[in-house]
């Protein structure tokens, strides 16, 4: 574990084993064995190596996992609702911890979402296919493929699809409410 992490840092710094060894006043053979976890350094030696690599013990042993930026279809979670004839795909896993939650919503012909009670935040959507009706309080707004919608959800709201075509849309809610 230590060896592979040192090797990764060395490569990031564009150093050869020999260059790292020279800077840390060690042998190339020692660095090679260390990177293959065949030997372990003393703490003083590890401190010297890490200093040559531009880091320190605390940073080296802090287990930071990189933030996921790209999400693939295999990361999605989906649920089909037979009662409302819709499929919701949560395209960013655990997005409820984020400030916004994007979903892909597929509505079968005549399908709808559950009516959502008023809440804080904002709602945004982009219609990918079909035609939808956005119900906000007592008003109904129509949107079709290629059109977007945006509203403050301060009234009961839901979406229905055309009974002929159905629809699919990207829907982003902040804060997450799905």
N, C-alpha and C. Protein backbone atom coordinates (compact mmCIF):
# COMPACT_ATOMS: atom_id res chain seq x y z
N UNK A 1 0.83 -1.20 0.00
CA UNK A 1 0.00 0.00 0.00
C UNK A 1 0.86 1.25 0.00
N UNK A 2 1.84 1.35 0.90
CA UNK A 2 2.70 2.53 0.94
C UNK A 2 3.50 2.63 -0.35
N UNK A 3 4.02 1.49 -0.79
CA UNK A 3 4.86 1.47 -1.98
C UNK A 3 4.14 1.94 -3.23
N UNK A 4 2.93 1.44 -3.44
CA UNK A 4 2.21 1.83 -4.65
C UNK A 4 1.83 3.30 -4.61
N UNK A 5 1.56 3.81 -3.42
CA UNK A 5 1.21 5.22 -3.29
C UNK A 5 2.44 6.10 -3.55
N UNK A 6 3.60 5.67 -3.09
CA UNK A 6 4.84 6.42 -3.35
C UNK A 6 5.13 6.40 -4.85
N UNK A 7 4.95 5.23 -5.48
CA UNK A 7 5.19 5.13 -6.93
C UNK A 7 4.26 6.08 -7.69
N UNK A 8 2.99 6.11 -7.29
CA UNK A 8 2.02 6.99 -7.93
C UNK A 8 2.44 8.46 -7.81
N UNK A 9 2.87 8.86 -6.62
CA UNK A 9 3.33 10.24 -6.41
C UNK A 9 4.58 10.53 -7.24
N UNK A 10 5.52 9.57 -7.29
CA UNK A 10 6.75 9.74 -8.06
C UNK A 10 6.44 9.95 -9.54
N UNK A 11 5.52 9.15 -10.06
CA UNK A 11 5.14 9.26 -11.47
C UNK A 11 4.44 10.60 -11.73
N UNK A 12 3.59 11.03 -10.78
CA UNK A 12 2.92 12.33 -10.94
C UNK A 12 3.93 13.47 -11.01
N UNK A 13 5.03 13.32 -10.32
CA UNK A 13 6.08 14.35 -10.30
C UNK A 13 7.08 14.17 -11.44
N UNK A 14 6.83 13.19 -12.32
CA UNK A 14 7.71 12.90 -13.46
C UNK A 14 9.15 12.62 -13.03
N UNK A 15 9.28 11.86 -11.95
CA UNK A 15 10.61 11.48 -11.48
C UNK A 15 10.86 10.00 -11.77
N UNK A 16 12.11 9.66 -12.08
CA UNK A 16 12.49 8.25 -12.19
C UNK A 16 12.80 7.76 -10.78
N UNK A 17 12.91 6.46 -10.64
CA UNK A 17 13.31 5.91 -9.33
C UNK A 17 14.68 6.46 -8.94
N UNK A 18 15.56 6.55 -9.91
CA UNK A 18 16.91 7.04 -9.64
C UNK A 18 16.90 8.49 -9.18
N UNK A 19 16.08 9.34 -9.83
CA UNK A 19 16.00 10.75 -9.43
C UNK A 19 15.45 10.89 -8.01
N UNK A 20 14.41 10.10 -7.68
CA UNK A 20 13.87 10.15 -6.32
C UNK A 20 14.91 9.67 -5.32
N UNK A 21 15.61 8.59 -5.66
CA UNK A 21 16.64 8.06 -4.77
C UNK A 21 17.73 9.10 -4.52
N UNK A 22 18.18 9.78 -5.58
CA UNK A 22 19.22 10.82 -5.42
C UNK A 22 18.73 11.94 -4.51
N UNK A 23 17.52 12.41 -4.73
CA UNK A 23 16.99 13.51 -3.91
C UNK A 23 16.85 13.12 -2.44
N UNK A 24 16.47 11.85 -2.20
CA UNK A 24 16.26 11.39 -0.82
C UNK A 24 17.51 10.76 -0.22
N UNK A 25 18.62 10.78 -1.00
CA UNK A 25 19.90 10.18 -0.58
C UNK A 25 19.73 8.72 -0.21
N UNK A 26 19.07 7.99 -1.11
CA UNK A 26 18.84 6.55 -0.96
C UNK A 26 19.29 5.86 -2.24
N UNK A 27 19.29 4.53 -2.23
CA UNK A 27 19.66 3.81 -3.45
C UNK A 27 18.43 3.59 -4.32
N UNK A 28 18.69 3.46 -5.62
CA UNK A 28 17.60 3.18 -6.56
C UNK A 28 16.97 1.83 -6.21
N UNK A 29 17.79 0.87 -5.80
CA UNK A 29 17.29 -0.46 -5.42
C UNK A 29 16.32 -0.39 -4.25
N UNK A 30 16.62 0.49 -3.28
CA UNK A 30 15.73 0.64 -2.12
C UNK A 30 14.38 1.19 -2.58
N UNK A 31 14.40 2.23 -3.45
CA UNK A 31 13.15 2.81 -3.96
C UNK A 31 12.36 1.75 -4.72
N UNK A 32 13.04 0.96 -5.53
CA UNK A 32 12.38 -0.09 -6.30
C UNK A 32 11.70 -1.10 -5.38
N UNK A 33 12.43 -1.55 -4.36
CA UNK A 33 11.86 -2.52 -3.40
C UNK A 33 10.70 -1.90 -2.62
N UNK A 34 10.86 -0.63 -2.25
CA UNK A 34 9.82 0.07 -1.50
C UNK A 34 8.54 0.16 -2.33
N UNK A 35 8.66 0.52 -3.61
CA UNK A 35 7.48 0.67 -4.47
C UNK A 35 6.78 -0.66 -4.70
N UNK A 36 7.50 -1.77 -4.59
CA UNK A 36 6.89 -3.09 -4.76
C UNK A 36 6.49 -3.70 -3.42
N UNK A 37 6.56 -2.90 -2.36
CA UNK A 37 6.23 -3.32 -0.99
C UNK A 37 7.05 -4.52 -0.54
N UNK A 38 8.30 -4.58 -0.98
CA UNK A 38 9.21 -5.65 -0.55
C UNK A 38 10.01 -5.23 0.67
N UNK A 39 9.99 -3.94 0.96
CA UNK A 39 10.65 -3.43 2.15
C UNK A 39 9.83 -2.27 2.69
N UNK A 40 10.07 -1.91 3.94
CA UNK A 40 9.37 -0.78 4.56
C UNK A 40 10.39 0.24 5.02
N UNK A 41 10.08 1.52 4.85
CA UNK A 41 11.02 2.56 5.29
C UNK A 41 10.83 2.87 6.77
N UNK A 42 11.87 3.42 7.38
CA UNK A 42 11.71 3.96 8.73
C UNK A 42 10.86 5.23 8.58
N UNK A 43 10.35 5.71 9.67
CA UNK A 43 9.54 6.92 9.60
C UNK A 43 10.37 8.09 9.11
N UNK A 44 11.61 8.20 9.57
CA UNK A 44 12.47 9.29 9.14
C UNK A 44 12.72 9.22 7.63
N UNK A 45 12.95 8.01 7.10
CA UNK A 45 13.16 7.84 5.66
C UNK A 45 11.90 8.17 4.89
N UNK A 46 10.75 7.73 5.39
CA UNK A 46 9.49 8.03 4.73
C UNK A 46 9.25 9.54 4.69
N UNK A 47 9.54 10.24 5.78
CA UNK A 47 9.39 11.70 5.82
C UNK A 47 10.28 12.34 4.75
N UNK A 48 11.53 11.86 4.62
CA UNK A 48 12.44 12.40 3.61
C UNK A 48 11.89 12.16 2.20
N UNK A 49 11.42 10.95 1.92
CA UNK A 49 10.89 10.61 0.59
C UNK A 49 9.68 11.49 0.27
N UNK A 50 8.77 11.61 1.24
CA UNK A 50 7.57 12.41 1.02
C UNK A 50 7.90 13.87 0.79
N UNK A 51 8.91 14.38 1.52
CA UNK A 51 9.33 15.77 1.33
C UNK A 51 9.84 15.95 -0.10
N UNK A 52 10.59 14.98 -0.61
CA UNK A 52 11.09 15.04 -2.00
C UNK A 52 9.93 14.98 -3.00
N UNK A 53 8.81 14.39 -2.60
CA UNK A 53 7.65 14.27 -3.47
C UNK A 53 6.63 15.41 -3.26
N UNK A 54 6.99 16.37 -2.39
CA UNK A 54 6.15 17.54 -2.21
C UNK A 54 4.94 17.32 -1.32
N UNK A 55 5.05 16.37 -0.41
CA UNK A 55 3.93 16.13 0.51
C UNK A 55 4.48 15.83 1.90
N UNK A 56 3.60 15.47 2.81
CA UNK A 56 4.02 15.14 4.18
C UNK A 56 3.23 13.93 4.68
N UNK A 57 3.55 13.48 5.88
CA UNK A 57 2.90 12.28 6.43
C UNK A 57 1.39 12.43 6.51
N UNK A 58 0.94 13.59 6.99
CA UNK A 58 -0.51 13.78 7.16
C UNK A 58 -1.24 13.67 5.82
N UNK A 59 -0.77 14.38 4.82
CA UNK A 59 -1.41 14.32 3.50
C UNK A 59 -1.33 12.92 2.90
N UNK A 60 -0.17 12.28 3.09
CA UNK A 60 0.05 10.96 2.51
C UNK A 60 -0.91 9.92 3.08
N UNK A 61 -1.16 10.00 4.38
CA UNK A 61 -2.01 9.00 5.02
C UNK A 61 -3.48 9.40 5.13
N UNK A 62 -3.81 10.62 4.71
CA UNK A 62 -5.22 11.02 4.69
C UNK A 62 -5.87 10.27 3.55
N UNK A 63 -6.90 9.55 3.87
CA UNK A 63 -7.56 8.71 2.86
C UNK A 63 -8.61 9.54 2.13
N UNK A 64 -8.18 10.26 1.13
CA UNK A 64 -9.12 11.07 0.38
C UNK A 64 -9.57 10.31 -0.85
N UNK A 65 -10.86 10.21 -0.98
CA UNK A 65 -11.40 9.59 -2.19
C UNK A 65 -11.79 10.72 -3.12
N UNK A 66 -11.46 10.56 -4.37
CA UNK A 66 -11.77 11.62 -5.32
C UNK A 66 -13.27 11.66 -5.57
N UNK A 67 -13.74 12.86 -5.77
CA UNK A 67 -15.16 13.09 -6.01
C UNK A 67 -15.53 12.58 -7.41
N UNK A 68 -16.58 11.82 -7.48
CA UNK A 68 -17.03 11.32 -8.79
C UNK A 68 -17.67 12.47 -9.56
N UNK A 69 -17.25 12.63 -10.81
CA UNK A 69 -17.74 13.71 -11.64
C UNK A 69 -18.62 13.17 -12.76
N UNK A 70 -18.25 12.04 -13.33
CA UNK A 70 -19.00 11.46 -14.44
C UNK A 70 -19.76 10.24 -13.94
N UNK A 71 -21.02 10.14 -14.32
CA UNK A 71 -21.87 9.03 -13.90
C UNK A 71 -22.37 8.30 -15.13
N UNK A 72 -22.24 6.99 -15.11
CA UNK A 72 -22.66 6.16 -16.24
C UNK A 72 -24.03 5.55 -15.95
N UNK A 73 -24.63 4.98 -16.96
CA UNK A 73 -25.96 4.38 -16.82
C UNK A 73 -25.96 3.32 -15.70
N UNK A 74 -24.84 2.64 -15.51
CA UNK A 74 -24.76 1.62 -14.45
C UNK A 74 -24.83 2.24 -13.05
N UNK A 75 -24.59 3.56 -12.94
CA UNK A 75 -24.70 4.25 -11.65
C UNK A 75 -26.14 4.66 -11.34
N UNK A 76 -26.99 4.69 -12.37
CA UNK A 76 -28.36 5.17 -12.20
C UNK A 76 -29.17 4.19 -11.35
N UNK A 77 -30.16 4.73 -10.68
CA UNK A 77 -31.14 3.92 -9.95
C UNK A 77 -32.49 4.24 -10.56
N UNK A 78 -33.26 3.22 -10.90
CA UNK A 78 -34.55 3.51 -11.52
C UNK A 78 -35.69 2.76 -10.83
N UNK A 79 -36.86 3.37 -10.95
CA UNK A 79 -38.07 2.81 -10.34
C UNK A 79 -39.22 3.04 -11.30
N UNK A 80 -39.97 1.99 -11.56
CA UNK A 80 -41.16 2.12 -12.41
C UNK A 80 -42.38 2.10 -11.51
N UNK A 81 -43.29 3.04 -11.73
CA UNK A 81 -44.52 3.14 -10.95
C UNK A 81 -45.69 2.74 -11.85
N UNK A 82 -46.23 1.54 -11.63
CA UNK A 82 -47.35 1.04 -12.44
C UNK A 82 -48.62 1.87 -12.27
N UNK A 83 -48.82 2.41 -11.08
CA UNK A 83 -50.03 3.17 -10.80
C UNK A 83 -50.09 4.46 -11.62
N UNK A 84 -48.93 5.14 -11.73
CA UNK A 84 -48.89 6.42 -12.44
C UNK A 84 -48.29 6.30 -13.84
N UNK A 85 -47.89 5.11 -14.23
CA UNK A 85 -47.29 4.88 -15.54
C UNK A 85 -46.09 5.79 -15.79
N UNK A 86 -45.14 5.75 -14.86
CA UNK A 86 -43.93 6.54 -15.07
C UNK A 86 -42.70 5.77 -14.60
N UNK A 87 -41.57 6.18 -15.13
CA UNK A 87 -40.28 5.62 -14.70
C UNK A 87 -39.40 6.79 -14.30
N UNK A 88 -38.86 6.72 -13.09
CA UNK A 88 -37.95 7.73 -12.60
C UNK A 88 -36.56 7.12 -12.57
N UNK A 89 -35.59 7.82 -13.16
CA UNK A 89 -34.20 7.40 -13.10
C UNK A 89 -33.41 8.48 -12.35
N UNK A 90 -32.87 8.10 -11.20
CA UNK A 90 -32.01 9.00 -10.46
C UNK A 90 -30.64 8.86 -11.10
N UNK A 91 -30.21 9.89 -11.82
CA UNK A 91 -29.01 9.78 -12.64
C UNK A 91 -27.74 10.20 -11.90
N UNK A 92 -27.89 10.78 -10.72
CA UNK A 92 -26.75 11.08 -9.85
C UNK A 92 -27.03 10.36 -8.53
N UNK A 93 -26.29 9.27 -8.25
CA UNK A 93 -26.55 8.52 -7.02
C UNK A 93 -26.41 9.40 -5.77
N UNK A 94 -27.26 9.18 -4.82
CA UNK A 94 -27.24 9.91 -3.54
C UNK A 94 -27.28 11.42 -3.70
N UNK A 95 -27.97 11.89 -4.73
CA UNK A 95 -28.02 13.33 -4.98
C UNK A 95 -28.78 14.08 -3.90
N UNK A 96 -29.53 13.37 -3.06
CA UNK A 96 -30.28 14.07 -2.01
C UNK A 96 -29.35 14.80 -1.05
N UNK A 97 -28.06 14.45 -1.06
CA UNK A 97 -27.09 15.17 -0.22
C UNK A 97 -26.57 16.43 -0.92
N UNK A 98 -26.88 16.57 -2.19
CA UNK A 98 -26.42 17.72 -2.97
C UNK A 98 -27.45 18.84 -2.92
N UNK A 99 -27.13 19.96 -3.54
CA UNK A 99 -28.05 21.10 -3.57
C UNK A 99 -29.15 20.91 -4.60
N UNK A 100 -28.89 20.09 -5.62
CA UNK A 100 -29.93 19.83 -6.62
C UNK A 100 -29.94 18.35 -6.96
N UNK A 101 -31.08 17.91 -7.45
CA UNK A 101 -31.24 16.50 -7.79
C UNK A 101 -31.82 16.36 -9.19
N UNK A 102 -30.99 15.95 -10.14
CA UNK A 102 -31.51 15.73 -11.49
C UNK A 102 -32.05 14.32 -11.63
N UNK A 103 -33.15 14.20 -12.34
CA UNK A 103 -33.70 12.87 -12.65
C UNK A 103 -34.08 12.85 -14.13
N UNK A 104 -34.12 11.65 -14.68
CA UNK A 104 -34.73 11.44 -15.99
C UNK A 104 -36.10 10.87 -15.70
N UNK A 105 -37.12 11.49 -16.25
CA UNK A 105 -38.49 11.05 -16.01
C UNK A 105 -39.09 10.61 -17.34
N UNK A 106 -39.59 9.40 -17.37
CA UNK A 106 -40.26 8.89 -18.56
C UNK A 106 -41.71 8.64 -18.19
N UNK A 107 -42.60 9.30 -18.91
CA UNK A 107 -44.04 9.15 -18.67
C UNK A 107 -44.65 8.40 -19.84
N UNK A 108 -45.30 7.30 -19.56
CA UNK A 108 -46.04 6.59 -20.61
C UNK A 108 -47.19 7.49 -21.07
N UNK A 109 -47.81 7.20 -22.22
CA UNK A 109 -48.97 7.99 -22.63
C UNK A 109 -49.99 8.08 -21.49
N UNK A 110 -50.35 9.32 -21.13
CA UNK A 110 -51.28 9.53 -20.04
C UNK A 110 -50.66 9.43 -18.65
N UNK A 111 -49.37 9.15 -18.57
CA UNK A 111 -48.71 9.00 -17.26
C UNK A 111 -48.54 10.32 -16.55
N UNK A 112 -48.24 10.25 -15.26
CA UNK A 112 -48.07 11.48 -14.48
C UNK A 112 -47.12 11.25 -13.33
N UNK A 113 -46.78 12.34 -12.65
CA UNK A 113 -46.03 12.25 -11.40
C UNK A 113 -47.02 12.39 -10.26
N UNK A 114 -46.58 12.05 -9.06
CA UNK A 114 -47.42 12.29 -7.89
C UNK A 114 -47.51 13.79 -7.66
N UNK A 115 -48.65 14.29 -7.26
CA UNK A 115 -48.73 15.71 -6.89
C UNK A 115 -47.78 15.98 -5.72
N UNK A 116 -46.98 17.01 -5.86
CA UNK A 116 -46.00 17.37 -4.83
C UNK A 116 -46.50 18.61 -4.12
N UNK A 117 -46.48 18.59 -2.81
CA UNK A 117 -46.92 19.74 -2.02
C UNK A 117 -45.94 20.89 -2.15
N UNK A 118 -46.38 22.10 -1.86
CA UNK A 118 -45.48 23.25 -1.93
C UNK A 118 -44.24 23.01 -1.06
N UNK A 119 -43.11 23.46 -1.56
CA UNK A 119 -41.86 23.34 -0.79
C UNK A 119 -40.91 24.44 -1.23
N UNK A 120 -39.86 24.62 -0.47
CA UNK A 120 -38.84 25.61 -0.81
C UNK A 120 -38.09 25.12 -2.04
N UNK A 121 -37.42 26.04 -2.70
CA UNK A 121 -36.54 25.65 -3.78
C UNK A 121 -37.02 26.09 -5.15
N UNK A 122 -36.52 25.37 -6.15
CA UNK A 122 -36.81 25.67 -7.55
C UNK A 122 -36.91 24.37 -8.32
N UNK A 123 -37.64 24.41 -9.42
CA UNK A 123 -37.80 23.24 -10.29
C UNK A 123 -37.45 23.67 -11.71
N UNK A 124 -36.70 22.82 -12.39
CA UNK A 124 -36.32 23.08 -13.77
C UNK A 124 -36.48 21.78 -14.55
N UNK A 125 -36.91 21.88 -15.79
CA UNK A 125 -37.00 20.69 -16.63
C UNK A 125 -36.76 21.02 -18.09
N UNK A 126 -36.35 19.99 -18.82
CA UNK A 126 -36.16 20.10 -20.26
C UNK A 126 -36.82 18.88 -20.89
N UNK A 127 -37.74 19.12 -21.80
CA UNK A 127 -38.50 18.03 -22.42
C UNK A 127 -37.66 17.42 -23.54
N UNK A 128 -37.34 16.14 -23.38
CA UNK A 128 -36.52 15.42 -24.36
C UNK A 128 -37.36 14.84 -25.49
N UNK A 129 -38.58 14.42 -25.16
CA UNK A 129 -39.49 13.90 -26.18
C UNK A 129 -40.92 14.03 -25.69
N UNK A 130 -41.85 14.11 -26.64
CA UNK A 130 -43.27 14.16 -26.31
C UNK A 130 -43.74 15.53 -25.86
N UNK A 131 -44.92 15.52 -25.24
CA UNK A 131 -45.57 16.75 -24.76
C UNK A 131 -46.00 16.54 -23.31
N UNK A 132 -45.86 17.59 -22.51
CA UNK A 132 -46.26 17.49 -21.11
C UNK A 132 -47.14 18.67 -20.73
N UNK A 133 -47.86 18.49 -19.63
CA UNK A 133 -48.60 19.56 -18.97
C UNK A 133 -48.01 19.69 -17.58
N UNK A 134 -47.63 20.92 -17.22
CA UNK A 134 -47.09 21.20 -15.90
C UNK A 134 -48.22 21.85 -15.11
N UNK A 135 -48.67 21.17 -14.07
CA UNK A 135 -49.78 21.64 -13.24
C UNK A 135 -49.18 22.33 -12.01
N UNK A 136 -49.43 23.62 -11.87
CA UNK A 136 -48.94 24.39 -10.72
C UNK A 136 -50.14 25.11 -10.13
N UNK A 137 -50.55 24.65 -8.96
CA UNK A 137 -51.78 25.20 -8.38
C UNK A 137 -52.93 24.92 -9.32
N UNK A 138 -53.71 25.96 -9.69
CA UNK A 138 -54.85 25.76 -10.59
C UNK A 138 -54.50 26.02 -12.05
N UNK A 139 -53.23 26.34 -12.34
CA UNK A 139 -52.83 26.63 -13.72
C UNK A 139 -52.14 25.44 -14.36
N UNK A 140 -52.26 25.35 -15.70
CA UNK A 140 -51.63 24.28 -16.45
C UNK A 140 -50.81 24.92 -17.57
N UNK A 141 -49.54 24.51 -17.66
CA UNK A 141 -48.64 25.02 -18.69
C UNK A 141 -48.23 23.86 -19.58
N UNK A 142 -48.20 24.10 -20.89
CA UNK A 142 -47.84 23.06 -21.84
C UNK A 142 -46.39 23.25 -22.27
N UNK A 143 -45.67 22.13 -22.43
CA UNK A 143 -44.30 22.16 -22.95
C UNK A 143 -44.11 20.95 -23.85
N UNK A 144 -43.35 21.12 -24.92
CA UNK A 144 -43.11 20.02 -25.85
C UNK A 144 -41.61 19.83 -26.04
N UNK A 145 -41.27 18.78 -26.78
CA UNK A 145 -39.88 18.43 -27.04
C UNK A 145 -39.08 19.68 -27.41
N UNK A 146 -37.92 19.82 -26.73
CA UNK A 146 -37.04 20.95 -27.01
C UNK A 146 -37.33 22.18 -26.18
N UNK A 147 -38.38 22.15 -25.37
CA UNK A 147 -38.71 23.29 -24.53
C UNK A 147 -38.34 23.00 -23.08
N UNK A 148 -38.11 24.07 -22.34
CA UNK A 148 -37.73 23.97 -20.93
C UNK A 148 -38.80 24.63 -20.07
N UNK A 149 -38.80 24.27 -18.79
CA UNK A 149 -39.68 24.94 -17.84
C UNK A 149 -38.91 25.22 -16.56
N UNK A 150 -39.38 26.23 -15.83
CA UNK A 150 -38.74 26.64 -14.59
C UNK A 150 -39.80 27.30 -13.72
N UNK A 151 -39.87 26.87 -12.45
CA UNK A 151 -40.84 27.50 -11.55
C UNK A 151 -40.42 27.34 -10.10
N UNK A 152 -41.02 28.18 -9.27
CA UNK A 152 -40.84 28.07 -7.83
C UNK A 152 -41.98 27.20 -7.32
N UNK A 153 -41.69 26.11 -6.63
CA UNK A 153 -42.74 25.16 -6.23
C UNK A 153 -43.50 25.59 -4.98
N UNK A 154 -44.09 26.76 -5.01
CA UNK A 154 -44.80 27.27 -3.84
C UNK A 154 -46.29 26.91 -3.84
N UNK A 155 -46.68 26.09 -4.82
CA UNK A 155 -48.06 25.56 -4.89
C UNK A 155 -47.95 24.07 -5.20
N UNK A 156 -49.05 23.36 -4.97
CA UNK A 156 -49.07 21.94 -5.33
C UNK A 156 -48.75 21.83 -6.82
N UNK A 157 -47.92 20.85 -7.20
CA UNK A 157 -47.50 20.76 -8.60
C UNK A 157 -47.25 19.30 -9.01
N UNK A 158 -47.46 19.05 -10.30
CA UNK A 158 -47.19 17.73 -10.88
C UNK A 158 -47.17 17.85 -12.38
N UNK A 159 -46.75 16.79 -13.02
CA UNK A 159 -46.63 16.78 -14.49
C UNK A 159 -47.43 15.61 -15.04
N UNK A 160 -48.11 15.86 -16.16
CA UNK A 160 -48.80 14.78 -16.87
C UNK A 160 -48.29 14.78 -18.31
N UNK A 161 -48.35 13.60 -18.92
CA UNK A 161 -47.92 13.46 -20.31
C UNK A 161 -49.13 13.39 -21.22
N UNK A 162 -48.90 13.71 -22.47
CA UNK A 162 -49.94 13.58 -23.49
C UNK A 162 -50.43 12.14 -23.50
N UNK A 163 -51.73 11.96 -23.68
CA UNK A 163 -52.29 10.60 -23.71
C UNK A 163 -51.92 9.87 -25.00
N UNK A 164 -51.41 10.61 -25.98
CA UNK A 164 -51.02 9.97 -27.25
C UNK A 164 -49.55 9.60 -27.30
N UNK A 165 -48.69 10.52 -26.85
CA UNK A 165 -47.26 10.31 -27.07
C UNK A 165 -46.46 9.91 -25.82
N UNK A 166 -46.93 10.27 -24.65
CA UNK A 166 -46.06 10.12 -23.48
C UNK A 166 -44.98 11.19 -23.56
N UNK A 167 -43.98 11.09 -22.70
CA UNK A 167 -42.91 12.09 -22.72
C UNK A 167 -41.71 11.60 -21.92
N UNK A 168 -40.57 12.19 -22.21
CA UNK A 168 -39.40 11.99 -21.34
C UNK A 168 -38.78 13.37 -21.13
N UNK A 169 -38.25 13.57 -19.93
CA UNK A 169 -37.68 14.87 -19.60
C UNK A 169 -36.60 14.75 -18.57
N UNK A 170 -35.72 15.71 -18.60
CA UNK A 170 -34.72 15.88 -17.56
C UNK A 170 -35.32 16.86 -16.58
N UNK A 171 -35.39 16.48 -15.30
CA UNK A 171 -36.01 17.33 -14.29
C UNK A 171 -35.03 17.53 -13.15
N UNK A 172 -34.80 18.78 -12.80
CA UNK A 172 -33.86 19.11 -11.73
C UNK A 172 -34.62 19.86 -10.65
N UNK A 173 -34.48 19.37 -9.43
CA UNK A 173 -35.16 19.96 -8.29
C UNK A 173 -34.10 20.41 -7.28
N UNK A 174 -34.34 21.59 -6.71
CA UNK A 174 -33.48 22.04 -5.64
C UNK A 174 -34.35 22.62 -4.54
N UNK A 175 -34.19 22.28 -3.30
CA UNK A 175 -33.37 21.16 -2.85
C UNK A 175 -34.02 19.84 -3.29
N UNK A 176 -33.25 18.75 -3.24
CA UNK A 176 -33.78 17.45 -3.66
C UNK A 176 -35.07 17.11 -2.93
N UNK A 177 -36.04 16.61 -3.70
CA UNK A 177 -37.32 16.26 -3.07
C UNK A 177 -37.84 14.91 -3.52
N UNK A 178 -37.18 14.25 -4.46
CA UNK A 178 -37.70 12.99 -4.98
C UNK A 178 -37.33 11.84 -4.06
